[in-house]
Amino acid sequence: MTLAFSNPQNSVPAVIVLDTCVLLSNVLRRMFLRLAGERRCVPIWSERIGGEWQRNAPRIWGVSPGDVRAQWTALQAAFPMADLGDVSRYEAGLQRSDPKDWHVIAAGRAAKVRHPGCVTAIVTRNIRDFNRTELRGYGLALFEPDDLLLRFHHAWPDSMQRLMPQVTHWAQAPGKAPATLEAVLKRERLFRLNRVYGSVC
């Protein structure tokens, strides 16, 4: 994928590894993938991240495993270069981060090989499980979704403004009235983004 931007200050990563916790959020997943669809970033995941997503989504969403498998198949088709497959060999040498998240770092290291020269970051809600010094040693950045989406807002406000009106639709539960954008952003822990958009859209 050819990115449609040049960012000499590297304030926004070009390649983002989406941790399972991010993919499990209907709002966060769709926000980042919509930005990827506008060539603002390249999304990355691995075989193991995909497996975790497919195991946990039916329980969290209250849907059938078959529905989740169909959604995963659609994601793979929409972003055929995102899945790096088995990246376990890139766990070698990791020591300082939580071992249960080594596979996420491994996906980041594999992404650096796939996309040499691109700023690559892990996007997760569980930043305490990752040692920033260890990540820097492998040329990887670490972001919470709120921080990264705010950076996207500053870099490409037009892209963000196009997707924000859809956020409440993505968050709406069947049979329930839609929540306000402010309520959705707060529920997703996007507090800084809410200060920009919560009372505007």
N, C-alpha and C. Protein backbone atom coordinates (compact mmCIF):
# COMPACT_ATOMS: atom_id res chain seq x y z
N MET A 1 0.84 -1.20 0.00
CA MET A 1 0.00 0.00 0.00
C MET A 1 0.88 1.25 0.00
N THR A 2 0.57 2.19 -0.86
CA THR A 2 1.28 3.46 -0.90
C THR A 2 0.52 4.48 -0.06
N LEU A 3 1.20 5.06 0.92
CA LEU A 3 0.53 6.02 1.79
C LEU A 3 0.42 7.36 1.10
N ALA A 4 -0.68 8.06 1.40
CA ALA A 4 -0.96 9.32 0.72
C ALA A 4 -0.50 10.51 1.54
N PHE A 5 0.60 10.34 2.29
CA PHE A 5 1.06 11.49 3.04
C PHE A 5 2.56 11.39 3.25
N SER A 6 3.13 12.52 3.59
CA SER A 6 4.52 12.58 4.00
C SER A 6 4.54 13.31 5.33
N ASN A 7 5.12 12.70 6.31
CA ASN A 7 5.07 13.25 7.66
C ASN A 7 6.48 13.35 8.22
N PRO A 8 7.22 14.38 7.87
CA PRO A 8 8.62 14.46 8.25
C PRO A 8 8.84 14.51 9.76
N GLN A 9 7.84 14.98 10.51
CA GLN A 9 8.02 15.05 11.96
C GLN A 9 7.67 13.73 12.64
N ASN A 10 7.13 12.78 11.87
CA ASN A 10 6.80 11.46 12.40
C ASN A 10 5.88 11.51 13.60
N SER A 11 4.98 12.49 13.65
CA SER A 11 4.06 12.59 14.77
C SER A 11 2.95 11.55 14.71
N VAL A 12 2.71 11.01 13.52
CA VAL A 12 1.71 9.97 13.33
C VAL A 12 2.39 8.78 12.67
N PRO A 13 2.29 7.58 13.25
CA PRO A 13 2.93 6.42 12.62
C PRO A 13 2.24 6.04 11.33
N ALA A 14 3.02 5.54 10.39
CA ALA A 14 2.47 5.10 9.12
C ALA A 14 1.88 3.70 9.22
N VAL A 15 2.46 2.87 10.10
CA VAL A 15 2.07 1.48 10.25
C VAL A 15 1.62 1.26 11.69
N ILE A 16 0.42 0.71 11.87
CA ILE A 16 -0.10 0.52 13.23
C ILE A 16 -0.51 -0.93 13.45
N VAL A 17 0.03 -1.52 14.51
CA VAL A 17 -0.37 -2.86 14.94
C VAL A 17 -1.57 -2.70 15.86
N LEU A 18 -2.70 -3.27 15.47
CA LEU A 18 -3.92 -3.16 16.24
C LEU A 18 -4.01 -4.35 17.20
N ASP A 19 -3.85 -4.07 18.48
CA ASP A 19 -3.93 -5.11 19.50
C ASP A 19 -5.37 -5.65 19.53
N THR A 20 -5.54 -6.83 20.10
CA THR A 20 -6.86 -7.46 20.14
C THR A 20 -7.89 -6.58 20.84
N CYS A 21 -7.49 -5.92 21.92
CA CYS A 21 -8.43 -5.08 22.66
C CYS A 21 -8.95 -3.93 21.80
N VAL A 22 -8.18 -3.47 20.85
CA VAL A 22 -8.62 -2.41 19.95
C VAL A 22 -9.57 -2.99 18.89
N LEU A 23 -9.22 -4.14 18.36
CA LEU A 23 -10.08 -4.77 17.35
C LEU A 23 -11.43 -5.18 17.92
N LEU A 24 -11.49 -5.49 19.22
CA LEU A 24 -12.74 -5.91 19.83
C LEU A 24 -13.73 -4.77 20.00
N SER A 25 -13.27 -3.55 19.95
CA SER A 25 -14.16 -2.40 20.03
C SER A 25 -14.70 -2.08 18.65
N ASN A 26 -16.02 -2.16 18.49
CA ASN A 26 -16.62 -1.84 17.19
C ASN A 26 -16.29 -0.42 16.75
N VAL A 27 -16.18 0.47 17.70
CA VAL A 27 -15.89 1.87 17.38
C VAL A 27 -14.43 2.05 16.99
N LEU A 28 -13.51 1.60 17.84
CA LEU A 28 -12.09 1.80 17.56
C LEU A 28 -11.66 1.06 16.30
N ARG A 29 -12.11 -0.18 16.15
CA ARG A 29 -11.72 -0.94 14.96
C ARG A 29 -12.13 -0.22 13.70
N ARG A 30 -13.37 0.24 13.67
CA ARG A 30 -13.86 0.89 12.46
C ARG A 30 -13.22 2.25 12.24
N MET A 31 -12.91 2.96 13.29
CA MET A 31 -12.24 4.25 13.12
C MET A 31 -10.87 4.07 12.48
N PHE A 32 -10.08 3.16 13.04
CA PHE A 32 -8.73 2.97 12.49
C PHE A 32 -8.77 2.37 11.08
N LEU A 33 -9.69 1.46 10.84
CA LEU A 33 -9.76 0.87 9.50
C LEU A 33 -10.31 1.84 8.48
N ARG A 34 -11.19 2.73 8.90
CA ARG A 34 -11.66 3.76 7.98
C ARG A 34 -10.51 4.71 7.61
N LEU A 35 -9.68 5.06 8.58
CA LEU A 35 -8.51 5.88 8.29
C LEU A 35 -7.54 5.14 7.37
N ALA A 36 -7.42 3.83 7.59
CA ALA A 36 -6.58 3.03 6.70
C ALA A 36 -7.15 3.03 5.28
N GLY A 37 -8.48 2.99 5.17
CA GLY A 37 -9.11 3.03 3.87
C GLY A 37 -8.86 4.33 3.13
N GLU A 38 -8.59 5.40 3.88
CA GLU A 38 -8.22 6.68 3.27
C GLU A 38 -6.71 6.82 3.12
N ARG A 39 -5.99 5.73 3.30
CA ARG A 39 -4.53 5.68 3.14
C ARG A 39 -3.81 6.59 4.13
N ARG A 40 -4.36 6.71 5.31
CA ARG A 40 -3.71 7.48 6.36
C ARG A 40 -2.80 6.62 7.22
N CYS A 41 -2.94 5.30 7.12
CA CYS A 41 -2.10 4.37 7.86
C CYS A 41 -2.25 2.98 7.26
N VAL A 42 -1.35 2.11 7.64
CA VAL A 42 -1.41 0.71 7.23
C VAL A 42 -1.72 -0.12 8.48
N PRO A 43 -2.85 -0.84 8.51
CA PRO A 43 -3.16 -1.66 9.68
C PRO A 43 -2.43 -2.99 9.63
N ILE A 44 -2.06 -3.47 10.82
CA ILE A 44 -1.34 -4.74 10.93
C ILE A 44 -1.96 -5.56 12.06
N TRP A 45 -2.06 -6.87 11.84
CA TRP A 45 -2.34 -7.81 12.91
C TRP A 45 -1.63 -9.12 12.57
N SER A 46 -1.78 -10.10 13.41
CA SER A 46 -1.11 -11.39 13.20
C SER A 46 -2.12 -12.52 13.30
N GLU A 47 -1.66 -13.69 13.01
CA GLU A 47 -2.51 -14.87 13.14
C GLU A 47 -3.01 -15.02 14.58
N ARG A 48 -2.14 -14.78 15.54
CA ARG A 48 -2.54 -14.94 16.95
C ARG A 48 -3.51 -13.85 17.37
N ILE A 49 -3.28 -12.62 16.96
CA ILE A 49 -4.22 -11.54 17.28
C ILE A 49 -5.59 -11.88 16.69
N GLY A 50 -5.60 -12.36 15.47
CA GLY A 50 -6.87 -12.75 14.85
C GLY A 50 -7.54 -13.88 15.61
N GLY A 51 -6.76 -14.84 16.09
CA GLY A 51 -7.32 -15.94 16.86
C GLY A 51 -7.94 -15.46 18.17
N GLU A 52 -7.25 -14.55 18.85
CA GLU A 52 -7.79 -13.99 20.09
C GLU A 52 -9.10 -13.25 19.82
N TRP A 53 -9.12 -12.50 18.74
CA TRP A 53 -10.32 -11.74 18.38
C TRP A 53 -11.50 -12.68 18.14
N GLN A 54 -11.26 -13.74 17.41
CA GLN A 54 -12.34 -14.67 17.08
C GLN A 54 -12.81 -15.46 18.30
N ARG A 55 -11.92 -15.71 19.26
CA ARG A 55 -12.33 -16.42 20.48
C ARG A 55 -13.14 -15.54 21.41
N ASN A 56 -12.76 -14.27 21.52
CA ASN A 56 -13.38 -13.38 22.51
C ASN A 56 -14.60 -12.63 22.01
N ALA A 57 -14.66 -12.32 20.73
CA ALA A 57 -15.75 -11.50 20.20
C ALA A 57 -17.13 -12.12 20.41
N PRO A 58 -17.34 -13.43 20.19
CA PRO A 58 -18.69 -13.97 20.40
C PRO A 58 -19.20 -13.76 21.82
N ARG A 59 -18.32 -13.93 22.81
CA ARG A 59 -18.73 -13.75 24.21
C ARG A 59 -19.02 -12.29 24.51
N ILE A 60 -18.18 -11.39 24.04
CA ILE A 60 -18.33 -9.97 24.35
C ILE A 60 -19.51 -9.36 23.62
N TRP A 61 -19.70 -9.76 22.38
CA TRP A 61 -20.75 -9.16 21.55
C TRP A 61 -22.08 -9.90 21.65
N GLY A 62 -22.07 -11.14 22.18
CA GLY A 62 -23.29 -11.91 22.24
C GLY A 62 -23.77 -12.39 20.87
N VAL A 63 -22.82 -12.76 20.01
CA VAL A 63 -23.15 -13.26 18.68
C VAL A 63 -22.54 -14.65 18.52
N SER A 64 -22.87 -15.30 17.42
CA SER A 64 -22.38 -16.66 17.20
C SER A 64 -20.94 -16.65 16.68
N PRO A 65 -20.19 -17.70 16.98
CA PRO A 65 -18.83 -17.81 16.42
C PRO A 65 -18.83 -17.74 14.89
N GLY A 66 -19.89 -18.27 14.26
CA GLY A 66 -19.96 -18.20 12.81
C GLY A 66 -20.05 -16.78 12.30
N ASP A 67 -20.80 -15.93 13.00
CA ASP A 67 -20.89 -14.52 12.62
C ASP A 67 -19.53 -13.86 12.71
N VAL A 68 -18.80 -14.17 13.77
CA VAL A 68 -17.48 -13.57 13.97
C VAL A 68 -16.50 -14.05 12.91
N ARG A 69 -16.56 -15.34 12.60
CA ARG A 69 -15.67 -15.86 11.54
C ARG A 69 -15.95 -15.17 10.21
N ALA A 70 -17.23 -14.93 9.93
CA ALA A 70 -17.58 -14.25 8.68
C ALA A 70 -17.04 -12.82 8.68
N GLN A 71 -17.13 -12.15 9.82
CA GLN A 71 -16.59 -10.79 9.90
C GLN A 71 -15.08 -10.80 9.73
N TRP A 72 -14.42 -11.78 10.31
CA TRP A 72 -12.96 -11.86 10.17
C TRP A 72 -12.57 -12.12 8.72
N THR A 73 -13.30 -12.98 8.06
CA THR A 73 -13.04 -13.24 6.65
C THR A 73 -13.18 -11.96 5.83
N ALA A 74 -14.20 -11.16 6.16
CA ALA A 74 -14.41 -9.89 5.45
C ALA A 74 -13.26 -8.92 5.73
N LEU A 75 -12.79 -8.89 6.97
CA LEU A 75 -11.66 -8.02 7.30
C LEU A 75 -10.41 -8.43 6.53
N GLN A 76 -10.16 -9.72 6.48
CA GLN A 76 -8.99 -10.22 5.76
C GLN A 76 -9.06 -9.87 4.28
N ALA A 77 -10.27 -9.93 3.73
CA ALA A 77 -10.43 -9.60 2.31
C ALA A 77 -10.26 -8.11 2.07
N ALA A 78 -10.75 -7.29 3.00
CA ALA A 78 -10.66 -5.83 2.84
C ALA A 78 -9.23 -5.33 3.01
N PHE A 79 -8.45 -6.02 3.87
CA PHE A 79 -7.07 -5.60 4.14
C PHE A 79 -6.15 -6.83 4.00
N PRO A 80 -5.93 -7.27 2.78
CA PRO A 80 -5.21 -8.53 2.57
C PRO A 80 -3.75 -8.51 3.00
N MET A 81 -3.17 -7.33 3.16
CA MET A 81 -1.77 -7.23 3.57
C MET A 81 -1.61 -7.04 5.08
N ALA A 82 -2.72 -6.99 5.81
CA ALA A 82 -2.65 -6.68 7.24
C ALA A 82 -2.16 -7.86 8.07
N ASP A 83 -2.58 -9.07 7.72
CA ASP A 83 -2.26 -10.25 8.52
C ASP A 83 -0.86 -10.75 8.18
N LEU A 84 0.04 -10.69 9.16
CA LEU A 84 1.42 -11.12 8.96
C LEU A 84 1.61 -12.59 9.30
N GLY A 85 0.53 -13.28 9.64
CA GLY A 85 0.62 -14.72 9.89
C GLY A 85 1.31 -15.03 11.20
N ASP A 86 2.10 -16.11 11.19
CA ASP A 86 2.82 -16.56 12.38
C ASP A 86 4.08 -15.71 12.55
N VAL A 87 4.10 -14.90 13.60
CA VAL A 87 5.24 -14.01 13.84
C VAL A 87 6.01 -14.43 15.09
N SER A 88 5.81 -15.65 15.56
CA SER A 88 6.38 -16.08 16.84
C SER A 88 7.91 -15.99 16.86
N ARG A 89 8.54 -16.12 15.70
CA ARG A 89 10.01 -16.05 15.70
C ARG A 89 10.51 -14.68 16.14
N TYR A 90 9.67 -13.65 16.02
CA TYR A 90 10.08 -12.31 16.42
C TYR A 90 9.91 -12.06 17.92
N GLU A 91 9.47 -13.07 18.66
CA GLU A 91 9.43 -12.95 20.11
C GLU A 91 10.80 -13.18 20.73
N ALA A 92 11.73 -13.70 19.96
CA ALA A 92 13.07 -13.99 20.48
C ALA A 92 13.72 -12.71 20.99
N GLY A 93 14.29 -12.80 22.18
CA GLY A 93 15.01 -11.67 22.77
C GLY A 93 14.16 -10.76 23.63
N LEU A 94 12.84 -10.91 23.61
CA LEU A 94 11.98 -10.05 24.43
C LEU A 94 12.08 -10.47 25.89
N GLN A 95 12.14 -9.47 26.79
CA GLN A 95 12.30 -9.77 28.20
C GLN A 95 11.51 -8.85 29.12
N ARG A 96 11.38 -7.58 28.78
CA ARG A 96 10.94 -6.58 29.76
C ARG A 96 9.46 -6.28 29.73
N SER A 97 8.78 -6.66 28.66
CA SER A 97 7.33 -6.47 28.58
C SER A 97 6.63 -7.72 29.10
N ASP A 98 5.32 -7.61 29.32
CA ASP A 98 4.54 -8.73 29.82
C ASP A 98 4.58 -9.87 28.78
N PRO A 99 4.99 -11.07 29.18
CA PRO A 99 5.10 -12.17 28.21
C PRO A 99 3.82 -12.44 27.43
N LYS A 100 2.66 -12.18 28.03
CA LYS A 100 1.41 -12.46 27.30
C LYS A 100 1.22 -11.51 26.12
N ASP A 101 2.01 -10.44 26.07
CA ASP A 101 1.90 -9.49 24.96
C ASP A 101 3.13 -9.51 24.05
N TRP A 102 4.00 -10.47 24.26
CA TRP A 102 5.15 -10.56 23.37
C TRP A 102 4.72 -10.76 21.92
N HIS A 103 3.61 -11.47 21.73
CA HIS A 103 3.17 -11.73 20.35
C HIS A 103 2.75 -10.44 19.65
N VAL A 104 2.30 -9.44 20.41
CA VAL A 104 1.93 -8.15 19.82
C VAL A 104 3.20 -7.41 19.38
N ILE A 105 4.20 -7.44 20.24
CA ILE A 105 5.49 -6.82 19.88
C ILE A 105 6.10 -7.54 18.68
N ALA A 106 5.96 -8.86 18.67
CA ALA A 106 6.47 -9.64 17.53
C ALA A 106 5.81 -9.19 16.24
N ALA A 107 4.51 -8.89 16.29
CA ALA A 107 3.83 -8.38 15.09
C ALA A 107 4.42 -7.04 14.67
N GLY A 108 4.76 -6.21 15.64
CA GLY A 108 5.38 -4.93 15.32
C GLY A 108 6.75 -5.11 14.68
N ARG A 109 7.53 -6.03 15.22
CA ARG A 109 8.85 -6.28 14.64
C ARG A 109 8.73 -6.85 13.22
N ALA A 110 7.76 -7.73 13.01
CA ALA A 110 7.54 -8.26 11.67
C ALA A 110 7.08 -7.17 10.71
N ALA A 111 6.27 -6.23 11.24
CA ALA A 111 5.81 -5.11 10.40
C ALA A 111 6.97 -4.24 9.97
N LYS A 112 7.95 -4.06 10.85
CA LYS A 112 9.13 -3.28 10.49
C LYS A 112 9.87 -3.92 9.32
N VAL A 113 9.88 -5.24 9.27
CA VAL A 113 10.52 -5.95 8.16
C VAL A 113 9.68 -5.79 6.89
N ARG A 114 8.36 -5.88 7.03
CA ARG A 114 7.46 -5.76 5.88
C ARG A 114 7.48 -4.34 5.32
N HIS A 115 7.58 -3.35 6.20
CA HIS A 115 7.52 -1.94 5.79
C HIS A 115 8.76 -1.20 6.29
N PRO A 116 9.92 -1.50 5.74
CA PRO A 116 11.16 -0.86 6.22
C PRO A 116 11.12 0.65 6.00
N GLY A 117 11.63 1.37 6.98
CA GLY A 117 11.68 2.82 6.87
C GLY A 117 10.43 3.53 7.33
N CYS A 118 9.36 2.79 7.62
CA CYS A 118 8.11 3.42 8.09
C CYS A 118 8.07 3.45 9.60
N VAL A 119 7.54 4.54 10.15
CA VAL A 119 7.33 4.62 11.59
C VAL A 119 6.21 3.65 11.95
N THR A 120 6.50 2.75 12.87
CA THR A 120 5.57 1.68 13.23
C THR A 120 5.24 1.78 14.71
N ALA A 121 3.96 1.58 15.04
CA ALA A 121 3.51 1.70 16.42
C ALA A 121 2.54 0.59 16.77
N ILE A 122 2.50 0.26 18.05
CA ILE A 122 1.50 -0.63 18.62
C ILE A 122 0.40 0.24 19.21
N VAL A 123 -0.85 -0.09 18.91
CA VAL A 123 -1.99 0.64 19.46
C VAL A 123 -2.72 -0.31 20.40
N THR A 124 -2.82 0.06 21.66
CA THR A 124 -3.41 -0.82 22.66
C THR A 124 -4.00 -0.01 23.81
N ARG A 125 -4.97 -0.60 24.48
CA ARG A 125 -5.48 -0.01 25.71
C ARG A 125 -4.67 -0.45 26.92
N ASN A 126 -3.78 -1.41 26.72
CA ASN A 126 -3.04 -2.01 27.84
C ASN A 126 -1.58 -1.57 27.81
N ILE A 127 -1.34 -0.27 27.80
CA ILE A 127 0.03 0.21 27.63
C ILE A 127 0.94 -0.18 28.80
N ARG A 128 0.37 -0.44 29.97
CA ARG A 128 1.21 -0.81 31.12
C ARG A 128 1.87 -2.16 30.93
N ASP A 129 1.37 -2.96 30.01
CA ASP A 129 1.95 -4.28 29.78
C ASP A 129 3.17 -4.23 28.86
N PHE A 130 3.45 -3.06 28.31
CA PHE A 130 4.55 -2.92 27.36
C PHE A 130 5.63 -2.01 27.94
N ASN A 131 6.86 -2.44 27.83
CA ASN A 131 8.00 -1.65 28.28
C ASN A 131 8.46 -0.74 27.14
N ARG A 132 8.30 0.57 27.34
CA ARG A 132 8.61 1.51 26.26
C ARG A 132 10.08 1.47 25.85
N THR A 133 10.96 1.27 26.83
CA THR A 133 12.39 1.21 26.50
C THR A 133 12.68 0.01 25.61
N GLU A 134 12.06 -1.11 25.92
CA GLU A 134 12.25 -2.30 25.09
C GLU A 134 11.70 -2.05 23.69
N LEU A 135 10.55 -1.43 23.60
CA LEU A 135 9.97 -1.15 22.29
C LEU A 135 10.85 -0.22 21.48
N ARG A 136 11.36 0.82 22.13
CA ARG A 136 12.24 1.76 21.41
C ARG A 136 13.46 1.05 20.85
N GLY A 137 13.95 0.05 21.58
CA GLY A 137 15.10 -0.70 21.10
C GLY A 137 14.83 -1.42 19.79
N TYR A 138 13.57 -1.71 19.54
CA TYR A 138 13.18 -2.36 18.28
C TYR A 138 12.55 -1.37 17.30
N GLY A 139 12.65 -0.08 17.61
CA GLY A 139 12.13 0.93 16.69
C GLY A 139 10.62 1.03 16.67
N LEU A 140 9.97 0.67 17.77
CA LEU A 140 8.52 0.67 17.83
C LEU A 140 8.01 1.74 18.80
N ALA A 141 6.94 2.42 18.41
CA ALA A 141 6.26 3.36 19.29
C ALA A 141 5.06 2.68 19.93
N LEU A 142 4.49 3.34 20.95
CA LEU A 142 3.36 2.79 21.68
C LEU A 142 2.34 3.89 21.91
N PHE A 143 1.07 3.61 21.57
CA PHE A 143 0.02 4.62 21.73
C PHE A 143 -1.23 4.01 22.33
N GLU A 144 -1.89 4.79 23.19
CA GLU A 144 -3.28 4.52 23.52
C GLU A 144 -4.13 5.03 22.35
N PRO A 145 -5.31 4.45 22.14
CA PRO A 145 -6.15 4.91 21.03
C PRO A 145 -6.47 6.40 21.08
N ASP A 146 -6.74 6.93 22.27
CA ASP A 146 -7.10 8.35 22.39
C ASP A 146 -5.98 9.25 21.90
N ASP A 147 -4.77 8.95 22.32
CA ASP A 147 -3.62 9.76 21.93
C ASP A 147 -3.41 9.70 20.43
N LEU A 148 -3.48 8.49 19.86
CA LEU A 148 -3.22 8.35 18.43
C LEU A 148 -4.31 9.00 17.59
N LEU A 149 -5.56 8.83 17.97
CA LEU A 149 -6.64 9.45 17.19
C LEU A 149 -6.58 10.97 17.27
N LEU A 150 -6.13 11.51 18.39
CA LEU A 150 -5.95 12.95 18.47
C LEU A 150 -4.85 13.41 17.52
N ARG A 151 -3.81 12.62 17.39
CA ARG A 151 -2.75 12.95 16.43
C ARG A 151 -3.26 12.88 14.99
N PHE A 152 -4.12 11.90 14.71
CA PHE A 152 -4.74 11.86 13.39
C PHE A 152 -5.59 13.11 13.16
N HIS A 153 -6.29 13.56 14.19
CA HIS A 153 -7.10 14.78 14.08
C HIS A 153 -6.23 15.97 13.70
N HIS A 154 -5.09 16.11 14.33
CA HIS A 154 -4.22 17.25 14.03
C HIS A 154 -3.57 17.11 12.65
N ALA A 155 -3.27 15.87 12.24
CA ALA A 155 -2.60 15.67 10.96
C ALA A 155 -3.59 15.75 9.79
N TRP A 156 -4.78 15.15 9.94
CA TRP A 156 -5.75 15.09 8.86
C TRP A 156 -7.16 15.36 9.39
N PRO A 157 -7.44 16.59 9.77
CA PRO A 157 -8.78 16.88 10.32
C PRO A 157 -9.92 16.55 9.36
N ASP A 158 -9.70 16.69 8.06
CA ASP A 158 -10.78 16.37 7.12
C ASP A 158 -11.16 14.89 7.20
N SER A 159 -10.18 14.02 7.28
CA SER A 159 -10.46 12.59 7.38
C SER A 159 -11.22 12.27 8.67
N MET A 160 -10.80 12.87 9.77
CA MET A 160 -11.46 12.63 11.04
C MET A 160 -12.88 13.17 11.03
N GLN A 161 -13.07 14.33 10.46
CA GLN A 161 -14.41 14.92 10.43
C GLN A 161 -15.37 14.09 9.58
N ARG A 162 -14.86 13.40 8.59
CA ARG A 162 -15.72 12.55 7.77
C ARG A 162 -16.19 11.32 8.52
N LEU A 163 -15.34 10.78 9.40
CA LEU A 163 -15.74 9.55 10.07
C LEU A 163 -16.48 9.77 11.38
N MET A 164 -16.30 10.93 12.03
CA MET A 164 -16.90 11.14 13.34
C MET A 164 -18.42 11.02 13.35
N PRO A 165 -19.15 11.52 12.33
CA PRO A 165 -20.61 11.37 12.38
C PRO A 165 -21.09 9.92 12.37
N GLN A 166 -20.23 8.98 12.00
CA GLN A 166 -20.63 7.58 11.95
C GLN A 166 -20.41 6.85 13.27
N VAL A 167 -19.72 7.48 14.19
CA VAL A 167 -19.33 6.81 15.42
C VAL A 167 -20.54 6.33 16.22
N THR A 168 -21.57 7.16 16.35
CA THR A 168 -22.74 6.75 17.12
C THR A 168 -23.45 5.56 16.47
N HIS A 169 -23.45 5.52 15.16
CA HIS A 169 -24.05 4.38 14.45
C HIS A 169 -23.29 3.10 14.75
N TRP A 170 -21.96 3.17 14.72
CA TRP A 170 -21.14 2.00 14.99
C TRP A 170 -21.33 1.48 16.41
N ALA A 171 -21.66 2.37 17.34
CA ALA A 171 -21.78 2.00 18.74
C ALA A 171 -23.19 1.58 19.14
N GLN A 172 -24.15 1.75 18.24
CA GLN A 172 -25.55 1.52 18.61
C GLN A 172 -25.83 0.03 18.80
N ALA A 173 -26.42 -0.30 19.94
CA ALA A 173 -26.82 -1.67 20.22
C ALA A 173 -28.19 -1.94 19.61
N PRO A 174 -28.42 -3.16 19.11
CA PRO A 174 -29.73 -3.47 18.50
C PRO A 174 -30.88 -3.23 19.48
N GLY A 175 -31.90 -2.56 19.00
CA GLY A 175 -33.08 -2.33 19.81
C GLY A 175 -32.97 -1.20 20.81
N LYS A 176 -31.86 -0.50 20.81
CA LYS A 176 -31.68 0.59 21.76
C LYS A 176 -31.51 1.91 21.02
N ALA A 177 -31.90 3.00 21.68
CA ALA A 177 -31.74 4.32 21.08
C ALA A 177 -30.26 4.65 20.97
N PRO A 178 -29.86 5.36 19.91
CA PRO A 178 -28.44 5.71 19.77
C PRO A 178 -27.99 6.65 20.88
N ALA A 179 -26.78 6.43 21.36
CA ALA A 179 -26.18 7.31 22.35
C ALA A 179 -25.63 8.55 21.67
N THR A 180 -25.40 9.58 22.44
CA THR A 180 -24.78 10.78 21.89
C THR A 180 -23.31 10.49 21.58
N LEU A 181 -22.74 11.31 20.70
CA LEU A 181 -21.33 11.15 20.38
C LEU A 181 -20.48 11.30 21.64
N GLU A 182 -20.82 12.27 22.46
CA GLU A 182 -20.06 12.48 23.70
C GLU A 182 -20.08 11.23 24.57
N ALA A 183 -21.25 10.61 24.71
CA ALA A 183 -21.37 9.41 25.54
C ALA A 183 -20.54 8.27 24.97
N VAL A 184 -20.57 8.11 23.65
CA VAL A 184 -19.81 7.04 23.02
C VAL A 184 -18.31 7.25 23.20
N LEU A 185 -17.84 8.46 22.96
CA LEU A 185 -16.41 8.73 23.09
C LEU A 185 -15.93 8.52 24.52
N LYS A 186 -16.73 8.92 25.49
CA LYS A 186 -16.35 8.71 26.89
C LYS A 186 -16.33 7.21 27.22
N ARG A 187 -17.33 6.49 26.71
CA ARG A 187 -17.38 5.04 26.96
C ARG A 187 -16.17 4.34 26.37
N GLU A 188 -15.68 4.84 25.23
CA GLU A 188 -14.51 4.26 24.59
C GLU A 188 -13.20 4.80 25.16
N ARG A 189 -13.30 5.61 26.19
CA ARG A 189 -12.14 6.23 26.86
C ARG A 189 -11.36 7.15 25.91
N LEU A 190 -12.08 7.80 25.02
CA LEU A 190 -11.49 8.77 24.09
C LEU A 190 -11.77 10.17 24.63
N PHE A 191 -11.23 10.47 25.79
CA PHE A 191 -11.57 11.69 26.50
C PHE A 191 -11.02 12.94 25.82
N ARG A 192 -9.79 12.85 25.33
CA ARG A 192 -9.22 14.02 24.64
C ARG A 192 -9.90 14.24 23.30
N LEU A 193 -10.23 13.17 22.61
CA LEU A 193 -10.95 13.32 21.35
C LEU A 193 -12.33 13.91 21.60
N ASN A 194 -12.93 13.55 22.71
CA ASN A 194 -14.25 14.08 23.05
C ASN A 194 -14.20 15.59 23.25
N ARG A 195 -13.11 16.11 23.79
CA ARG A 195 -12.99 17.56 23.98
C ARG A 195 -12.97 18.29 22.65
N VAL A 196 -12.56 17.59 21.59
CA VAL A 196 -12.55 18.20 20.26
C VAL A 196 -13.89 18.07 19.56
N TYR A 197 -14.50 16.86 19.66
CA TYR A 197 -15.67 16.56 18.84
C TYR A 197 -16.98 16.38 19.61
N GLY A 198 -16.90 16.12 20.90
CA GLY A 198 -18.09 15.72 21.63
C GLY A 198 -19.24 16.69 21.56
N SER A 199 -18.95 17.97 21.54
CA SER A 199 -20.02 18.97 21.52
C SER A 199 -20.17 19.62 20.14
N VAL A 200 -19.47 19.04 19.14
CA VAL A 200 -19.49 19.65 17.80
C VAL A 200 -20.30 18.82 16.83
N CYS A 201 -20.07 17.50 16.79
CA CYS A 201 -20.73 16.63 15.80
C CYS A 201 -22.10 16.18 16.30
